[in-house]
Amino acid sequence: MRVGVALKRLKLNLLPLSLLLIIPAINVSYGLLNNTIRGCHSLVTSLDMAIPFIKQFIIAYWMWFPFMFISLVYLCFNYRNSYYKCVITMVIGMITCYIIYFFFQTMVPRPVVSGNDIFSRAVRFTYSWDKPFNCFPSIHVLASYIIMMASRKLDKKPFIKFAMNFIGISVIVSTQFVKQHVILDAIFAILLAEIIYRFVAGFILERGLIWKKKLCWWLTMKKKLET
């Protein structure tokens, strides 16, 4: 019985979940822009220089990937409107980031990481496949903060709300300690997420619901006229 219910829920959510495919499709641009062909700028401040490199935070940095997937799937199944707002905000936010990367490329200087412990190897692996460009604003911070904003609706699920915020903050902080981003990258990403989530995504979702109601009304009237 439970398996049947679970399969039914999955079937009902397959179409909304398919919207997540837009994100990796857009992300193709990341690799194309991750270079200095168009020039490069530095946003490093004295405060960034004072932040220590802590290799252990690479674990939190990598938690971003399962954190995004699990959070979005959970929201899709349980808080559909918040899920739609998240996807809309991420898509618009990522496109905005890529436009900025194209016209204003930045670079974050990285430390030389030695040692053969698991944390050092993880950092070196991260540095090897992700060049130190495409930094301003931070997509890691943008997406994490979007999930944190969506969690505000989860008052009846305090543990899940806490987990989303704890992991989100951990990811944001990790971008600084593993020297993947500077402070301005994080600040601008948060501001960008706030603006899109509160105003743009909310407006698009509201208009979409209105058009959905109009379409349902039109189909109902058409069916009545045919009978």
C-alpha atoms as a PDB file:
ATOM      1  CA  MET A   1       0.000   0.000   0.000  1.00  0.00           C
ATOM      2  CA  ARG A   2       2.749   2.434   0.979  1.00  0.00           C
ATOM      3  CA  VAL A   3       4.695   1.608  -2.182  1.00  0.00           C
ATOM      4  CA  GLY A   4       1.614   2.341  -4.260  1.00  0.00           C
ATOM      5  CA  VAL A   5       1.094   5.695  -2.554  1.00  0.00           C
ATOM      6  CA  ALA A   6       4.769   6.586  -3.000  1.00  0.00           C
ATOM      7  CA  LEU A   7       4.647   5.719  -6.711  1.00  0.00           C
ATOM      8  CA  LYS A   8       1.486   7.775  -7.129  1.00  0.00           C
ATOM      9  CA  ARG A   9       3.140  10.788  -5.468  1.00  0.00           C
ATOM     10  CA  LEU A  10       6.204  10.350  -7.646  1.00  0.00           C
ATOM     11  CA  LYS A  11       4.056  10.238 -10.776  1.00  0.00           C
ATOM     12  CA  LEU A  12       2.263  13.435  -9.759  1.00  0.00           C
ATOM     13  CA  ASN A  13       5.595  15.191  -9.189  1.00  0.00           C
ATOM     14  CA  LEU A  14       7.496  13.965 -12.249  1.00  0.00           C
ATOM     15  CA  LEU A  15       6.540  16.906 -14.458  1.00  0.00           C
ATOM     16  CA  PRO A  16       7.390  19.584 -11.853  1.00  0.00           C
ATOM     17  CA  LEU A  17      10.640  17.746 -11.031  1.00  0.00           C
ATOM     18  CA  SER A  18      11.601  17.782 -14.703  1.00  0.00           C
ATOM     19  CA  LEU A  19      12.065  21.547 -14.374  1.00  0.00           C
ATOM     20  CA  LEU A  20      15.315  20.773 -12.540  1.00  0.00           C
ATOM     21  CA  LEU A  21      16.802  19.708 -15.880  1.00  0.00           C
ATOM     22  CA  ILE A  22      16.887  23.384 -16.845  1.00  0.00           C
ATOM     23  CA  ILE A  23      19.614  24.006 -14.254  1.00  0.00           C
ATOM     24  CA  PRO A  24      22.299  21.636 -15.662  1.00  0.00           C
ATOM     25  CA  ALA A  25      21.353  22.783 -19.173  1.00  0.00           C
ATOM     26  CA  ILE A  26      22.107  26.393 -18.232  1.00  0.00           C
ATOM     27  CA  ASN A  27      25.212  25.305 -16.328  1.00  0.00           C
ATOM     28  CA  VAL A  28      26.896  24.378 -19.613  1.00  0.00           C
ATOM     29  CA  SER A  29      27.766  28.073 -19.846  1.00  0.00           C
ATOM     30  CA  TYR A  30      29.912  27.774 -16.711  1.00  0.00           C
ATOM     31  CA  GLY A  31      32.686  25.860 -18.444  1.00  0.00           C
ATOM     32  CA  LEU A  32      32.576  28.086 -21.515  1.00  0.00           C
ATOM     33  CA  LEU A  33      33.065  31.228 -19.415  1.00  0.00           C
ATOM     34  CA  ASN A  34      35.565  29.831 -16.895  1.00  0.00           C
ATOM     35  CA  ASN A  35      38.615  31.562 -18.395  1.00  0.00           C
ATOM     36  CA  THR A  36      40.377  34.939 -18.711  1.00  0.00           C
ATOM     37  CA  ILE A  37      39.924  35.473 -22.453  1.00  0.00           C
ATOM     38  CA  ARG A  38      37.875  38.614 -21.788  1.00  0.00           C
ATOM     39  CA  GLY A  39      40.218  39.961 -19.103  1.00  0.00           C
ATOM     40  CA  CYS A  40      40.116  39.495 -15.348  1.00  0.00           C
ATOM     41  CA  HIS A  41      39.540  41.592 -12.231  1.00  0.00           C
ATOM     42  CA  SER A  42      40.262  41.115  -8.533  1.00  0.00           C
ATOM     43  CA  LEU A  43      37.817  41.917  -5.725  1.00  0.00           C
ATOM     44  CA  VAL A  44      40.118  40.760  -2.932  1.00  0.00           C
ATOM     45  CA  THR A  45      40.085  43.043   0.117  1.00  0.00           C
ATOM     46  CA  SER A  46      42.220  43.200   3.247  1.00  0.00           C
ATOM     47  CA  LEU A  47      39.407  41.417   5.070  1.00  0.00           C
ATOM     48  CA  ASP A  48      39.612  38.525   2.609  1.00  0.00           C
ATOM     49  CA  MET A  49      43.344  38.313   3.231  1.00  0.00           C
ATOM     50  CA  ALA A  50      42.661  38.026   6.965  1.00  0.00           C
ATOM     51  CA  ILE A  51      40.316  35.036   6.529  1.00  0.00           C
ATOM     52  CA  PRO A  52      42.320  31.841   7.144  1.00  0.00           C
ATOM     53  CA  PHE A  53      42.398  28.886   4.799  1.00  0.00           C
ATOM     54  CA  ILE A  54      40.720  25.937   6.560  1.00  0.00           C
ATOM     55  CA  LYS A  55      40.864  22.842   4.387  1.00  0.00           C
ATOM     56  CA  GLN A  56      38.333  20.899   6.495  1.00  0.00           C
ATOM     57  CA  PHE A  57      35.583  23.154   5.161  1.00  0.00           C
ATOM     58  CA  ILE A  58      35.904  21.456   1.778  1.00  0.00           C
ATOM     59  CA  ILE A  59      33.434  18.881   3.142  1.00  0.00           C
ATOM     60  CA  ALA A  60      30.796  21.588   3.625  1.00  0.00           C
ATOM     61  CA  TYR A  61      31.626  22.973   0.188  1.00  0.00           C
ATOM     62  CA  TRP A  62      30.929  19.606  -1.450  1.00  0.00           C
ATOM     63  CA  MET A  63      27.743  19.161   0.567  1.00  0.00           C
ATOM     64  CA  TRP A  64      26.243  21.786  -1.736  1.00  0.00           C
ATOM     65  CA  PHE A  65      25.481  19.227  -4.443  1.00  0.00           C
ATOM     66  CA  PRO A  66      23.324  16.760  -2.429  1.00  0.00           C
ATOM     67  CA  PHE A  67      21.949  19.692  -0.409  1.00  0.00           C
ATOM     68  CA  MET A  68      20.542  21.308  -3.552  1.00  0.00           C
ATOM     69  CA  PHE A  69      19.040  18.127  -4.975  1.00  0.00           C
ATOM     70  CA  ILE A  70      17.480  16.821  -1.754  1.00  0.00           C
ATOM     71  CA  SER A  71      16.111  20.232  -0.756  1.00  0.00           C
ATOM     72  CA  LEU A  72      14.506  20.908  -4.135  1.00  0.00           C
ATOM     73  CA  VAL A  73      12.946  17.446  -4.329  1.00  0.00           C
ATOM     74  CA  TYR A  74      11.570  17.843  -0.799  1.00  0.00           C
ATOM     75  CA  LEU A  75      10.100  21.243  -1.627  1.00  0.00           C
ATOM     76  CA  CYS A  76       8.570  19.890  -4.826  1.00  0.00           C
ATOM     77  CA  PHE A  77       6.787  17.109  -2.952  1.00  0.00           C
ATOM     78  CA  ASN A  78       5.668  19.183   0.015  1.00  0.00           C
ATOM     79  CA  TYR A  79       5.775  22.926  -0.760  1.00  0.00           C
ATOM     80  CA  ARG A  80       5.082  23.262  -4.472  1.00  0.00           C
ATOM     81  CA  ASN A  81       4.852  27.054  -4.676  1.00  0.00           C
ATOM     82  CA  SER A  82       8.135  27.467  -2.784  1.00  0.00           C
ATOM     83  CA  TYR A  83       9.699  24.928  -5.136  1.00  0.00           C
ATOM     84  CA  TYR A  84       8.600  26.892  -8.186  1.00  0.00           C
ATOM     85  CA  LYS A  85       9.942  30.113  -6.675  1.00  0.00           C
ATOM     86  CA  CYS A  86      13.276  28.400  -5.998  1.00  0.00           C
ATOM     87  CA  VAL A  87      13.610  27.081  -9.548  1.00  0.00           C
ATOM     88  CA  ILE A  88      12.592  30.414 -11.102  1.00  0.00           C
ATOM     89  CA  THR A  89      15.042  32.290  -8.864  1.00  0.00           C
ATOM     90  CA  MET A  90      17.885  29.863  -9.574  1.00  0.00           C
ATOM     91  CA  VAL A  91      17.380  29.986 -13.332  1.00  0.00           C
ATOM     92  CA  ILE A  92      17.188  33.792 -13.469  1.00  0.00           C
ATOM     93  CA  GLY A  93      20.001  34.091 -10.918  1.00  0.00           C
ATOM     94  CA  MET A  94      22.330  31.751 -12.798  1.00  0.00           C
ATOM     95  CA  ILE A  95      21.678  33.498 -16.117  1.00  0.00           C
ATOM     96  CA  THR A  96      22.421  36.825 -14.416  1.00  0.00           C
ATOM     97  CA  CYS A  97      25.657  35.396 -12.994  1.00  0.00           C
ATOM     98  CA  TYR A  98      26.787  34.156 -16.404  1.00  0.00           C
ATOM     99  CA  ILE A  99      26.100  37.530 -17.994  1.00  0.00           C
ATOM    100  CA  ILE A 100      28.219  39.164 -15.270  1.00  0.00           C
ATOM    101  CA  TYR A 101      30.973  36.557 -15.752  1.00  0.00           C
ATOM    102  CA  PHE A 102      31.042  37.401 -19.463  1.00  0.00           C
ATOM    103  CA  PHE A 103      31.417  41.145 -18.981  1.00  0.00           C
ATOM    104  CA  PHE A 104      33.187  41.263 -15.598  1.00  0.00           C
ATOM    105  CA  GLN A 105      35.324  38.192 -15.010  1.00  0.00           C
ATOM    106  CA  THR A 106      37.007  37.922 -11.600  1.00  0.00           C
ATOM    107  CA  MET A 107      39.627  35.670 -10.046  1.00  0.00           C
ATOM    108  CA  VAL A 108      40.289  34.463  -6.508  1.00  0.00           C
ATOM    109  CA  PRO A 109      43.934  33.717  -5.572  1.00  0.00           C
ATOM    110  CA  ARG A 110      44.363  30.255  -4.090  1.00  0.00           C
ATOM    111  CA  PRO A 111      46.867  28.931  -1.573  1.00  0.00           C
ATOM    112  CA  VAL A 112      49.318  26.159  -2.333  1.00  0.00           C
ATOM    113  CA  VAL A 113      47.870  23.054  -0.683  1.00  0.00           C
ATOM    114  CA  SER A 114      50.317  20.378   0.430  1.00  0.00           C
ATOM    115  CA  GLY A 115      49.768  17.172   2.356  1.00  0.00           C
ATOM    116  CA  ASN A 116      48.213  13.806   1.569  1.00  0.00           C
ATOM    117  CA  ASP A 117      45.346  13.826   4.060  1.00  0.00           C
ATOM    118  CA  ILE A 118      41.797  13.486   2.733  1.00  0.00           C
ATOM    119  CA  PHE A 119      41.018  17.199   3.136  1.00  0.00           C
ATOM    120  CA  SER A 120      44.112  18.357   1.251  1.00  0.00           C
ATOM    121  CA  ARG A 121      43.445  15.900  -1.565  1.00  0.00           C
ATOM    122  CA  ALA A 122      39.803  17.016  -1.755  1.00  0.00           C
ATOM    123  CA  VAL A 123      40.845  20.665  -2.012  1.00  0.00           C
ATOM    124  CA  ARG A 124      43.414  19.924  -4.710  1.00  0.00           C
ATOM    125  CA  PHE A 125      40.840  17.906  -6.632  1.00  0.00           C
ATOM    126  CA  THR A 126      38.382  20.810  -6.417  1.00  0.00           C
ATOM    127  CA  TYR A 127      40.995  23.276  -7.593  1.00  0.00           C
ATOM    128  CA  SER A 128      41.971  20.973 -10.471  1.00  0.00           C
ATOM    129  CA  TRP A 129      38.550  20.861 -12.125  1.00  0.00           C
ATOM    130  CA  ASP A 130      37.220  24.277 -11.088  1.00  0.00           C
ATOM    131  CA  LYS A 131      39.407  27.145 -12.285  1.00  0.00           C
ATOM    132  CA  PRO A 132      39.639  30.230 -10.019  1.00  0.00           C
ATOM    133  CA  PHE A 133      37.297  32.277 -12.228  1.00  0.00           C
ATOM    134  CA  ASN A 134      33.488  32.766 -12.497  1.00  0.00           C
ATOM    135  CA  CYS A 135      33.504  34.066  -8.946  1.00  0.00           C
ATOM    136  CA  PHE A 136      31.411  37.243  -8.753  1.00  0.00           C
ATOM    137  CA  PRO A 137      28.698  36.547  -7.744  1.00  0.00           C
ATOM    138  CA  SER A 138      28.974  33.077  -6.199  1.00  0.00           C
ATOM    139  CA  ILE A 139      26.496  30.517  -7.539  1.00  0.00           C
ATOM    140  CA  HIS A 140      27.193  28.314  -4.495  1.00  0.00           C
ATOM    141  CA  VAL A 141      26.070  31.144  -2.228  1.00  0.00           C
ATOM    142  CA  LEU A 142      23.196  32.184  -4.494  1.00  0.00           C
ATOM    143  CA  ALA A 143      21.612  28.725  -4.609  1.00  0.00           C
ATOM    144  CA  SER A 144      22.216  27.985  -0.920  1.00  0.00           C
ATOM    145  CA  TYR A 145      20.595  31.241   0.134  1.00  0.00           C
ATOM    146  CA  ILE A 146      17.598  30.569  -2.130  1.00  0.00           C
ATOM    147  CA  ILE A 147      16.961  27.305  -0.271  1.00  0.00           C
ATOM    148  CA  MET A 148      17.327  29.133   3.032  1.00  0.00           C
ATOM    149  CA  MET A 149      14.694  31.657   1.954  1.00  0.00           C
ATOM    150  CA  ALA A 150      12.329  28.863   0.940  1.00  0.00           C
ATOM    151  CA  SER A 151      12.801  27.223   4.356  1.00  0.00           C
ATOM    152  CA  ARG A 152      11.033  30.181   5.981  1.00  0.00           C
ATOM    153  CA  LYS A 153       7.749  28.490   5.046  1.00  0.00           C
ATOM    154  CA  LEU A 154       8.665  25.350   7.004  1.00  0.00           C
ATOM    155  CA  ASP A 155       7.516  26.492  10.460  1.00  0.00           C
ATOM    156  CA  LYS A 156       5.695  23.176  10.990  1.00  0.00           C
ATOM    157  CA  LYS A 157       8.892  21.275  10.149  1.00  0.00           C
ATOM    158  CA  PRO A 158      11.409  22.863  12.557  1.00  0.00           C
ATOM    159  CA  PHE A 159      14.058  20.160  12.204  1.00  0.00           C
ATOM    160  CA  ILE A 160      14.063  20.305   8.399  1.00  0.00           C
ATOM    161  CA  LYS A 161      14.035  24.107   8.530  1.00  0.00           C
ATOM    162  CA  PHE A 162      17.020  24.080  10.889  1.00  0.00           C
ATOM    163  CA  ALA A 163      18.881  21.550   8.729  1.00  0.00           C
ATOM    164  CA  MET A 164      18.375  23.620   5.572  1.00  0.00           C
ATOM    165  CA  ASN A 165      19.633  26.769   7.261  1.00  0.00           C
ATOM    166  CA  PHE A 166      22.549  25.052   9.011  1.00  0.00           C
ATOM    167  CA  ILE A 167      23.792  23.377   5.838  1.00  0.00           C
ATOM    168  CA  GLY A 168      23.156  26.519   3.792  1.00  0.00           C
ATOM    169  CA  ILE A 169      25.193  28.680   6.158  1.00  0.00           C
ATOM    170  CA  SER A 170      27.932  26.028   6.274  1.00  0.00           C
ATOM    171  CA  VAL A 171      28.197  26.046   2.481  1.00  0.00           C
ATOM    172  CA  ILE A 172      28.292  29.853   2.334  1.00  0.00           C
ATOM    173  CA  VAL A 173      31.008  30.034   4.993  1.00  0.00           C
ATOM    174  CA  SER A 174      32.968  27.245   3.294  1.00  0.00           C
ATOM    175  CA  THR A 175      33.317  29.298   0.100  1.00  0.00           C
ATOM    176  CA  GLN A 176      35.430  31.726   2.115  1.00  0.00           C
ATOM    177  CA  PHE A 177      37.523  29.252   4.111  1.00  0.00           C
ATOM    178  CA  VAL A 178      38.499  27.108   1.115  1.00  0.00           C
ATOM    179  CA  LYS A 179      39.270  30.260  -0.894  1.00  0.00           C
ATOM    180  CA  GLN A 180      36.803  29.640  -3.686  1.00  0.00           C
ATOM    181  CA  HIS A 181      35.267  33.088  -3.287  1.00  0.00           C
ATOM    182  CA  VAL A 182      35.825  36.463  -1.665  1.00  0.00           C
ATOM    183  CA  ILE A 183      33.419  38.342   0.597  1.00  0.00           C
ATOM    184  CA  LEU A 184      31.970  40.524  -2.171  1.00  0.00           C
ATOM    185  CA  ASP A 185      31.108  37.391  -4.165  1.00  0.00           C
ATOM    186  CA  ALA A 186      28.958  36.157  -1.283  1.00  0.00           C
ATOM    187  CA  ILE A 187      27.368  39.516  -0.436  1.00  0.00           C
ATOM    188  CA  PHE A 188      26.295  40.242  -3.998  1.00  0.00           C
ATOM    189  CA  ALA A 189      24.980  36.679  -4.442  1.00  0.00           C
ATOM    190  CA  ILE A 190      22.771  37.066  -1.355  1.00  0.00           C
ATOM    191  CA  LEU A 191      21.468  40.450  -2.546  1.00  0.00           C
ATOM    192  CA  LEU A 192      20.774  39.031  -6.002  1.00  0.00           C
ATOM    193  CA  ALA A 193      18.895  36.059  -4.533  1.00  0.00           C
ATOM    194  CA  GLU A 194      16.809  38.327  -2.287  1.00  0.00           C
ATOM    195  CA  ILE A 195      15.791  40.629  -5.138  1.00  0.00           C
ATOM    196  CA  ILE A 196      14.870  37.859  -7.569  1.00  0.00           C
ATOM    197  CA  TYR A 197      13.122  35.635  -4.999  1.00  0.00           C
ATOM    198  CA  ARG A 198      11.082  38.426  -3.390  1.00  0.00           C
ATOM    199  CA  PHE A 199      10.092  40.402  -6.459  1.00  0.00           C
ATOM    200  CA  VAL A 200      10.742  38.759  -9.827  1.00  0.00           C
ATOM    201  CA  ALA A 201      10.019  35.090  -8.987  1.00  0.00           C
ATOM    202  CA  GLY A 202       6.995  36.021  -6.888  1.00  0.00           C
ATOM    203  CA  PHE A 203       5.548  38.077  -9.751  1.00  0.00           C
ATOM    204  CA  ILE A 204       6.170  35.339 -12.341  1.00  0.00           C
ATOM    205  CA  LEU A 205       4.625  32.678 -10.100  1.00  0.00           C
ATOM    206  CA  GLU A 206       1.598  34.859  -9.370  1.00  0.00           C
ATOM    207  CA  ARG A 207       1.013  35.554 -13.062  1.00  0.00           C
ATOM    208  CA  GLY A 208       1.463  31.882 -13.848  1.00  0.00           C
ATOM    209  CA  LEU A 209      -1.210  30.891 -11.334  1.00  0.00           C
ATOM    210  CA  ILE A 210      -3.594  33.474 -12.795  1.00  0.00           C
ATOM    211  CA  TRP A 211      -3.088  32.131 -16.308  1.00  0.00           C
ATOM    212  CA  LYS A 212      -3.527  28.586 -15.025  1.00  0.00           C
ATOM    213  CA  LYS A 213      -6.889  29.496 -13.497  1.00  0.00           C
ATOM    214  CA  LYS A 214      -7.954  31.206 -16.727  1.00  0.00           C
ATOM    215  CA  LEU A 215      -6.951  28.148 -18.743  1.00  0.00           C
ATOM    216  CA  CYS A 216      -8.896  25.824 -16.408  1.00  0.00           C
ATOM    217  CA  TRP A 217     -11.943  28.099 -16.658  1.00  0.00           C
ATOM    218  CA  TRP A 218     -11.681  28.188 -20.453  1.00  0.00           C
ATOM    219  CA  LEU A 219     -11.394  24.396 -20.719  1.00  0.00           C
ATOM    220  CA  THR A 220     -14.363  23.951 -18.373  1.00  0.00           C
ATOM    221  CA  MET A 221     -16.518  26.347 -20.400  1.00  0.00           C
ATOM    222  CA  LYS A 222     -15.468  24.681 -23.647  1.00  0.00           C
ATOM    223  CA  LYS A 223     -16.444  21.278 -22.280  1.00  0.00           C
ATOM    224  CA  LYS A 224     -19.848  22.573 -21.169  1.00  0.00           C
ATOM    225  CA  LEU A 225     -20.537  24.127 -24.572  1.00  0.00           C
ATOM    226  CA  GLU A 226     -19.660  20.881 -26.328  1.00  0.00           C
ATOM    227  CA  THR A 227     -22.159  18.896 -24.193  1.00  0.00           C
END
